[in-house]
C-alpha atoms as a PDB file:
ATOM      1  CA  MET A   1     -24.453   3.269  12.946  1.00  0.00           C
ATOM      2  CA  SER A   2     -25.228   3.003   9.111  1.00  0.00           C
ATOM      3  CA  ARG A   3     -27.276   0.277   7.530  1.00  0.00           C
ATOM      4  CA  ILE A   4     -24.174  -1.066   5.824  1.00  0.00           C
ATOM      5  CA  GLU A   5     -22.197  -1.135   8.882  1.00  0.00           C
ATOM      6  CA  ASP A   6     -25.067  -2.861  10.671  1.00  0.00           C
ATOM      7  CA  ARG A   7     -25.495  -5.426   8.060  1.00  0.00           C
ATOM      8  CA  PHE A   8     -21.686  -6.092   7.921  1.00  0.00           C
ATOM      9  CA  ARG A   9     -21.379  -6.623  11.726  1.00  0.00           C
ATOM     10  CA  ARG A  10     -24.296  -8.972  11.704  1.00  0.00           C
ATOM     11  CA  VAL A  11     -22.780 -11.066   8.959  1.00  0.00           C
ATOM     12  CA  ARG A  12     -19.603 -11.186  10.881  1.00  0.00           C
ATOM     13  CA  ASP A  13     -21.450 -12.136  14.060  1.00  0.00           C
ATOM     14  CA  ARG A  14     -23.195 -15.010  12.344  1.00  0.00           C
ATOM     15  CA  ILE A  15     -20.109 -16.255  10.822  1.00  0.00           C
ATOM     16  CA  GLY A  16     -18.326 -16.162  14.418  1.00  0.00           C
ATOM     17  CA  GLU A  17     -21.250 -18.082  15.840  1.00  0.00           C
ATOM     18  CA  ALA A  18     -21.249 -20.597  12.997  1.00  0.00           C
ATOM     19  CA  ALA A  19     -17.483 -21.144  13.445  1.00  0.00           C
ATOM     20  CA  ARG A  20     -17.746 -21.733  17.215  1.00  0.00           C
ATOM     21  CA  ARG A  21     -20.377 -24.498  16.650  1.00  0.00           C
ATOM     22  CA  VAL A  22     -18.264 -26.631  14.513  1.00  0.00           C
ATOM     23  CA  GLY A  23     -15.001 -25.824  16.784  1.00  0.00           C
ATOM     24  CA  ARG A  24     -13.318 -23.481  14.638  1.00  0.00           C
ATOM     25  CA  ALA A  25     -11.759 -19.987  15.510  1.00  0.00           C
ATOM     26  CA  PRO A  26     -13.664 -17.199  13.709  1.00  0.00           C
ATOM     27  CA  ASP A  27     -10.517 -15.401  12.534  1.00  0.00           C
ATOM     28  CA  GLU A  28      -9.883 -18.443  10.363  1.00  0.00           C
ATOM     29  CA  ILE A  29     -12.608 -17.433   8.124  1.00  0.00           C
ATOM     30  CA  ALA A  30     -12.312 -14.551   5.696  1.00  0.00           C
ATOM     31  CA  LEU A  31     -15.041 -12.192   5.043  1.00  0.00           C
ATOM     32  CA  CYS A  32     -14.954 -10.568   1.725  1.00  0.00           C
ATOM     33  CA  ALA A  33     -17.110  -7.210   1.221  1.00  0.00           C
ATOM     34  CA  VAL A  34     -17.747  -7.415  -2.583  1.00  0.00           C
ATOM     35  CA  THR A  35     -17.783  -3.655  -4.043  1.00  0.00           C
ATOM     36  CA  LYS A  36     -19.226  -4.286  -7.240  1.00  0.00           C
ATOM     37  CA  THR A  37     -21.915  -1.506  -8.207  1.00  0.00           C
ATOM     38  CA  VAL A  38     -21.495   0.374  -5.062  1.00  0.00           C
ATOM     39  CA  GLY A  39     -19.667   3.984  -4.610  1.00  0.00           C
ATOM     40  CA  LEU A  40     -16.866   5.278  -2.322  1.00  0.00           C
ATOM     41  CA  GLN A  41     -19.361   6.253   0.583  1.00  0.00           C
ATOM     42  CA  GLU A  42     -20.578   2.704   1.003  1.00  0.00           C
ATOM     43  CA  ILE A  43     -17.019   1.323   0.744  1.00  0.00           C
ATOM     44  CA  ARG A  44     -15.778   3.676   3.531  1.00  0.00           C
ATOM     45  CA  GLU A  45     -18.705   2.614   5.725  1.00  0.00           C
ATOM     46  CA  VAL A  46     -17.952  -0.945   5.360  1.00  0.00           C
ATOM     47  CA  VAL A  47     -14.290  -0.318   6.088  1.00  0.00           C
ATOM     48  CA  ALA A  48     -15.196   1.639   9.044  1.00  0.00           C
ATOM     49  CA  ALA A  49     -17.173  -1.450  10.187  1.00  0.00           C
ATOM     50  CA  GLY A  50     -13.999  -3.441  10.120  1.00  0.00           C
ATOM     51  CA  ALA A  51     -13.815  -4.881   6.581  1.00  0.00           C
ATOM     52  CA  THR A  52     -10.285  -5.566   5.658  1.00  0.00           C
ATOM     53  CA  ILE A  53     -10.835  -7.635   2.493  1.00  0.00           C
ATOM     54  CA  LEU A  54     -12.610  -6.069  -0.546  1.00  0.00           C
ATOM     55  CA  GLY A  55     -13.481  -7.819  -3.865  1.00  0.00           C
ATOM     56  CA  GLU A  56     -13.838  -6.442  -7.272  1.00  0.00           C
ATOM     57  CA  SER A  57     -13.746  -8.336 -10.487  1.00  0.00           C
ATOM     58  CA  ARG A  58     -11.957  -5.753 -12.625  1.00  0.00           C
ATOM     59  CA  VAL A  59      -8.689  -4.215 -11.767  1.00  0.00           C
ATOM     60  CA  GLN A  60      -9.505  -0.958 -13.488  1.00  0.00           C
ATOM     61  CA  GLU A  61     -12.752  -0.627 -11.444  1.00  0.00           C
ATOM     62  CA  ALA A  62     -11.009  -1.468  -8.074  1.00  0.00           C
ATOM     63  CA  ALA A  63      -8.095   1.160  -8.535  1.00  0.00           C
ATOM     64  CA  PRO A  64     -10.007   4.259  -8.167  1.00  0.00           C
ATOM     65  CA  LYS A  65     -12.197   2.822  -5.313  1.00  0.00           C
ATOM     66  CA  ILE A  66      -9.005   1.688  -3.534  1.00  0.00           C
ATOM     67  CA  GLU A  67      -7.617   5.136  -3.714  1.00  0.00           C
ATOM     68  CA  GLY A  68     -10.576   6.870  -3.079  1.00  0.00           C
ATOM     69  CA  ALA A  69     -11.477   4.933   0.130  1.00  0.00           C
ATOM     70  CA  ALA A  70      -8.325   4.679   1.638  1.00  0.00           C
ATOM     71  CA  ASP A  71      -7.927   5.114   5.301  1.00  0.00           C
ATOM     72  CA  VAL A  72      -4.164   5.440   6.255  1.00  0.00           C
ATOM     73  CA  GLY A  73      -4.936   4.707   9.919  1.00  0.00           C
ATOM     74  CA  ALA A  74      -6.870   1.536   9.196  1.00  0.00           C
ATOM     75  CA  VAL A  75      -4.177   0.668   6.624  1.00  0.00           C
ATOM     76  CA  VAL A  76      -1.551   0.819   9.480  1.00  0.00           C
ATOM     77  CA  GLU A  77      -3.704  -1.305  11.711  1.00  0.00           C
ATOM     78  CA  TRP A  78      -3.996  -4.076   8.887  1.00  0.00           C
ATOM     79  CA  ALA A  79      -0.296  -3.822   8.541  1.00  0.00           C
ATOM     80  CA  ARG A  80       0.230  -4.326  12.285  1.00  0.00           C
ATOM     81  CA  ALA A  81      -2.246  -7.333  12.201  1.00  0.00           C
ATOM     82  CA  ASN A  82      -0.199  -8.915   9.296  1.00  0.00           C
ATOM     83  CA  ALA A  83       2.887  -8.403  11.228  1.00  0.00           C
ATOM     84  CA  GLU A  84       1.503 -10.210  14.115  1.00  0.00           C
ATOM     85  CA  ARG A  85       0.313 -13.145  12.076  1.00  0.00           C
ATOM     86  CA  ASN A  86       3.642 -13.568  10.690  1.00  0.00           C
ATOM     87  CA  GLY A  87       5.450 -13.607  14.139  1.00  0.00           C
ATOM     88  CA  LEU A  88       6.582  -9.972  14.169  1.00  0.00           C
ATOM     89  CA  ALA A  89       4.528  -8.511  16.729  1.00  0.00           C
ATOM     90  CA  ALA A  90       7.813  -7.981  18.844  1.00  0.00           C
ATOM     91  CA  ALA A  91       9.992  -6.600  16.040  1.00  0.00           C
ATOM     92  CA  PRO A  92      11.249  -3.051  16.396  1.00  0.00           C
ATOM     93  CA  VAL A  93       8.758  -1.622  13.783  1.00  0.00           C
ATOM     94  CA  ARG A  94       7.889   2.007  14.224  1.00  0.00           C
ATOM     95  CA  TRP A  95       4.346   2.619  12.814  1.00  0.00           C
ATOM     96  CA  ILE A  96       3.850   6.134  11.508  1.00  0.00           C
ATOM     97  CA  VAL A  97       0.790   7.976  10.092  1.00  0.00           C
ATOM     98  CA  GLU A  98       2.153  10.979   8.421  1.00  0.00           C
ATOM     99  CA  ASP A  99       2.499  12.614   4.955  1.00  0.00           C
ATOM    100  CA  ALA A 100       5.591  10.878   3.355  1.00  0.00           C
ATOM    101  CA  ALA A 101       7.212  14.160   1.911  1.00  0.00           C
ATOM    102  CA  ARG A 102       6.669  16.031   5.414  1.00  0.00           C
ATOM    103  CA  PHE A 103       8.288  13.038   6.965  1.00  0.00           C
ATOM    104  CA  ALA A 104      11.295  12.831   4.781  1.00  0.00           C
ATOM    105  CA  ALA A 105      11.903  16.637   5.010  1.00  0.00           C
ATOM    106  CA  ARG A 106      11.869  16.346   8.817  1.00  0.00           C
ATOM    107  CA  GLU A 107      14.219  13.376   8.656  1.00  0.00           C
ATOM    108  CA  LEU A 108      16.615  15.413   6.455  1.00  0.00           C
ATOM    109  CA  ARG A 109      16.703  18.177   9.032  1.00  0.00           C
ATOM    110  CA  ARG A 110      17.287  15.598  11.671  1.00  0.00           C
ATOM    111  CA  GLU A 111      20.291  14.368   9.519  1.00  0.00           C
ATOM    112  CA  ALA A 112      18.776  10.854   9.630  1.00  0.00           C
ATOM    113  CA  ALA A 113      20.069   8.154   7.210  1.00  0.00           C
ATOM    114  CA  TYR A 114      18.433   5.133   6.014  1.00  0.00           C
ATOM    115  CA  ASP A 115      20.359   1.930   4.491  1.00  0.00           C
ATOM    116  CA  ALA A 116      17.209   0.692   2.466  1.00  0.00           C
ATOM    117  CA  ILE A 117      14.031   2.567   1.304  1.00  0.00           C
ATOM    118  CA  VAL A 118      10.836   0.951  -0.057  1.00  0.00           C
ATOM    119  CA  LEU A 119       8.051   3.211  -1.576  1.00  0.00           C
ATOM    120  CA  ASP A 120       4.487   2.235  -2.456  1.00  0.00           C
ATOM    121  CA  PRO A 121       2.889   5.606  -3.293  1.00  0.00           C
ATOM    122  CA  PRO A 122      -0.843   5.838  -4.367  1.00  0.00           C
ATOM    123  CA  SER A 123      -1.462   7.240  -7.918  1.00  0.00           C
ATOM    124  CA  PHE A 124      -3.881   9.771  -6.281  1.00  0.00           C
ATOM    125  CA  GLY A 125      -4.717  10.840  -2.723  1.00  0.00           C
ATOM    126  CA  ARG A 126      -6.059  13.561  -0.638  1.00  0.00           C
ATOM    127  CA  GLY A 127      -4.800  14.733   2.791  1.00  0.00           C
ATOM    128  CA  PRO A 128      -7.061  15.573   5.763  1.00  0.00           C
ATOM    129  CA  LYS A 129      -6.469  19.247   5.076  1.00  0.00           C
ATOM    130  CA  GLY A 130      -7.229  19.106   1.462  1.00  0.00           C
ATOM    131  CA  GLU A 131      -3.671  18.388   0.287  1.00  0.00           C
ATOM    132  CA  VAL A 132      -3.565  16.581  -3.146  1.00  0.00           C
ATOM    133  CA  TRP A 133      -0.896  13.926  -4.193  1.00  0.00           C
ATOM    134  CA  LYS A 134      -0.599  13.115  -7.878  1.00  0.00           C
ATOM    135  CA  ILE A 135       2.201  10.561  -8.541  1.00  0.00           C
ATOM    136  CA  GLU A 136       3.104  12.123 -11.918  1.00  0.00           C
ATOM    137  CA  LYS A 137       3.953  15.542 -10.373  1.00  0.00           C
ATOM    138  CA  ASP A 138       4.878  14.462  -6.470  1.00  0.00           C
ATOM    139  CA  LEU A 139       6.943  11.348  -7.065  1.00  0.00           C
ATOM    140  CA  ASP A 140      10.011  12.886  -8.540  1.00  0.00           C
ATOM    141  CA  PRO A 141      10.499  15.302  -5.493  1.00  0.00           C
ATOM    142  CA  LEU A 142       9.922  12.574  -3.168  1.00  0.00           C
ATOM    143  CA  LEU A 143      12.629  10.275  -4.696  1.00  0.00           C
ATOM    144  CA  ALA A 144      15.046  13.207  -4.530  1.00  0.00           C
ATOM    145  CA  ALA A 145      14.342  13.493  -0.891  1.00  0.00           C
ATOM    146  CA  CYS A 146      15.023   9.828  -0.402  1.00  0.00           C
ATOM    147  CA  ARG A 147      18.259  10.186  -2.190  1.00  0.00           C
ATOM    148  CA  LYS A 148      19.265  12.507   0.275  1.00  0.00           C
ATOM    149  CA  LEU A 149      18.353  10.320   3.223  1.00  0.00           C
ATOM    150  CA  LEU A 150      20.454   7.301   2.101  1.00  0.00           C
ATOM    151  CA  SER A 151      23.373   6.391   4.422  1.00  0.00           C
ATOM    152  CA  GLY A 152      26.940   6.059   3.519  1.00  0.00           C
ATOM    153  CA  THR A 153      26.549   2.353   3.069  1.00  0.00           C
ATOM    154  CA  PRO A 154      23.125   2.043   1.239  1.00  0.00           C
ATOM    155  CA  ARG A 155      21.581  -1.296   0.241  1.00  0.00           C
ATOM    156  CA  PHE A 156      18.798  -0.726  -1.982  1.00  0.00           C
ATOM    157  CA  VAL A 157      15.794   1.372  -3.007  1.00  0.00           C
ATOM    158  CA  LEU A 158      12.438  -0.253  -4.228  1.00  0.00           C
ATOM    159  CA  VAL A 159       9.613   1.642  -5.754  1.00  0.00           C
ATOM    160  CA  THR A 160       6.251   0.468  -6.940  1.00  0.00           C
ATOM    161  CA  ALA A 161       3.693   2.392  -8.795  1.00  0.00           C
ATOM    162  CA  HIS A 162       0.139   1.729  -9.845  1.00  0.00           C
ATOM    163  CA  PRO A 163      -1.012   4.240 -12.743  1.00  0.00           C
ATOM    164  CA  ARG A 164      -2.630   2.200 -15.638  1.00  0.00           C
ATOM    165  CA  ALA A 165      -0.734   3.740 -18.249  1.00  0.00           C
ATOM    166  CA  TRP A 166       2.801   3.329 -16.724  1.00  0.00           C
ATOM    167  CA  LYS A 167       5.270   0.937 -18.212  1.00  0.00           C
ATOM    168  CA  PRO A 168       8.221  -0.464 -16.089  1.00  0.00           C
ATOM    169  CA  ARG A 169      10.516   1.805 -18.037  1.00  0.00           C
ATOM    170  CA  ASP A 170       8.566   4.798 -17.024  1.00  0.00           C
ATOM    171  CA  LEU A 171       9.257   4.354 -13.258  1.00  0.00           C
ATOM    172  CA  ALA A 172      12.802   3.153 -14.012  1.00  0.00           C
ATOM    173  CA  ARG A 173      13.623   6.300 -15.677  1.00  0.00           C
ATOM    174  CA  ARG A 174      12.348   8.097 -12.527  1.00  0.00           C
ATOM    175  CA  LEU A 175      14.386   6.157 -10.252  1.00  0.00           C
ATOM    176  CA  ASP A 176      17.528   6.583 -12.384  1.00  0.00           C
ATOM    177  CA  ARG A 177      17.286  10.297 -12.411  1.00  0.00           C
ATOM    178  CA  ALA A 178      16.898  10.286  -8.559  1.00  0.00           C
ATOM    179  CA  LEU A 179      19.900   7.899  -8.045  1.00  0.00           C
ATOM    180  CA  ALA A 180      22.205   9.269 -10.825  1.00  0.00           C
ATOM    181  CA  GLY A 181      25.820   8.763  -9.811  1.00  0.00           C
ATOM    182  CA  THR A 182      25.205   5.783  -7.284  1.00  0.00           C
ATOM    183  CA  ALA A 183      26.199   2.259  -7.702  1.00  0.00           C
ATOM    184  CA  GLY A 184      24.161  -0.500  -9.398  1.00  0.00           C
ATOM    185  CA  LYS A 185      21.650  -0.823 -12.322  1.00  0.00           C
ATOM    186  CA  THR A 186      18.041  -0.157 -11.883  1.00  0.00           C
ATOM    187  CA  GLU A 187      15.875  -3.140 -12.758  1.00  0.00           C
ATOM    188  CA  ALA A 188      12.095  -2.945 -13.560  1.00  0.00           C
ATOM    189  CA  GLY A 189       9.039  -4.930 -14.386  1.00  0.00           C
ATOM    190  CA  PRO A 190       5.363  -5.647 -13.905  1.00  0.00           C
ATOM    191  CA  LEU A 191       3.627  -6.254 -10.662  1.00  0.00           C
ATOM    192  CA  GLU A 192       1.644  -9.476 -11.363  1.00  0.00           C
ATOM    193  CA  LEU A 193      -0.476 -12.098  -9.290  1.00  0.00           C
ATOM    194  CA  ARG A 194      -0.471 -15.376 -11.111  1.00  0.00           C
ATOM    195  CA  ALA A 195      -3.228 -17.686 -10.788  1.00  0.00           C
ATOM    196  CA  ALA A 196      -2.895 -21.538 -10.820  1.00  0.00           C
ATOM    197  CA  GLY A 197      -3.817 -21.623 -14.456  1.00  0.00           C
ATOM    198  CA  ASP A 198      -3.001 -19.063 -16.949  1.00  0.00           C
ATOM    199  CA  GLY A 199      -4.771 -16.056 -15.221  1.00  0.00           C
ATOM    200  CA  VAL A 200      -2.533 -12.947 -14.566  1.00  0.00           C
ATOM    201  CA  LEU A 201      -3.745  -9.975 -12.619  1.00  0.00           C
ATOM    202  CA  ARG A 202      -1.557  -6.915 -13.262  1.00  0.00           C
ATOM    203  CA  SER A 203      -1.427  -4.459 -10.446  1.00  0.00           C
ATOM    204  CA  GLY A 204       1.316  -2.019 -11.457  1.00  0.00           C
ATOM    205  CA  VAL A 205       4.958  -1.636 -12.092  1.00  0.00           C
ATOM    206  CA  PHE A 206       8.266  -1.876  -9.751  1.00  0.00           C
ATOM    207  CA  ALA A 207      11.700  -0.643 -10.286  1.00  0.00           C
ATOM    208  CA  TRP A 208      14.732  -1.116  -7.706  1.00  0.00           C
ATOM    209  CA  ARG A 209      18.241  -0.552  -7.594  1.00  0.00           C
ATOM    210  CA  ARG A 210      20.638  -2.748  -5.374  1.00  0.00           C
ATOM    211  CA  LEU A 211      23.314  -0.167  -4.244  1.00  0.00           C
ATOM    212  CA  ASP A 212      25.699  -2.286  -2.278  1.00  0.00           C
ATOM    213  CA  VAL A 213      27.517  -3.687  -5.498  1.00  0.00           C
END
């Protein structure tokens, strides 16, 4: 166990002890690991220790750290935990850890079809065998495959993207090309988190098209 993992677990244990002393459940208290001034190796270690909330003060500093430290298996575990917290533990959700392009190609071979597709691809990523994903190069082929996977009665396609230089229109054009000839009109805009005051945290862009019109 690394020094960082040991420290994180000791802090988590102390929080649990304090919560129990006052009659609270430990999982009611969020532990945020602040990643300012530290590198990817330290972030990976604290994620491996169980951290699910990471804190950064600047989104431009957070983005490369999130992409570099992402553990897909851990992300699926977090998604499963979020589903349970929202009363969806028994919902018919199939959790799959796989390269999205390979999954789409296999589904095409199986002649599978989907009524709705939601994509939230990273800007950059590396696979376990050295595969490289770059959204500028690889998103268009993935969208083309998703177009072929739509059922005969499709509902919608929604895509988000996080390159800092992309505008909503950039993503909308890519979705328009992929869905050319289908019903509906593509809508796009910024992804934003708004604070109680005037603060706005921009985290990317979205584009979607409703197809059942």
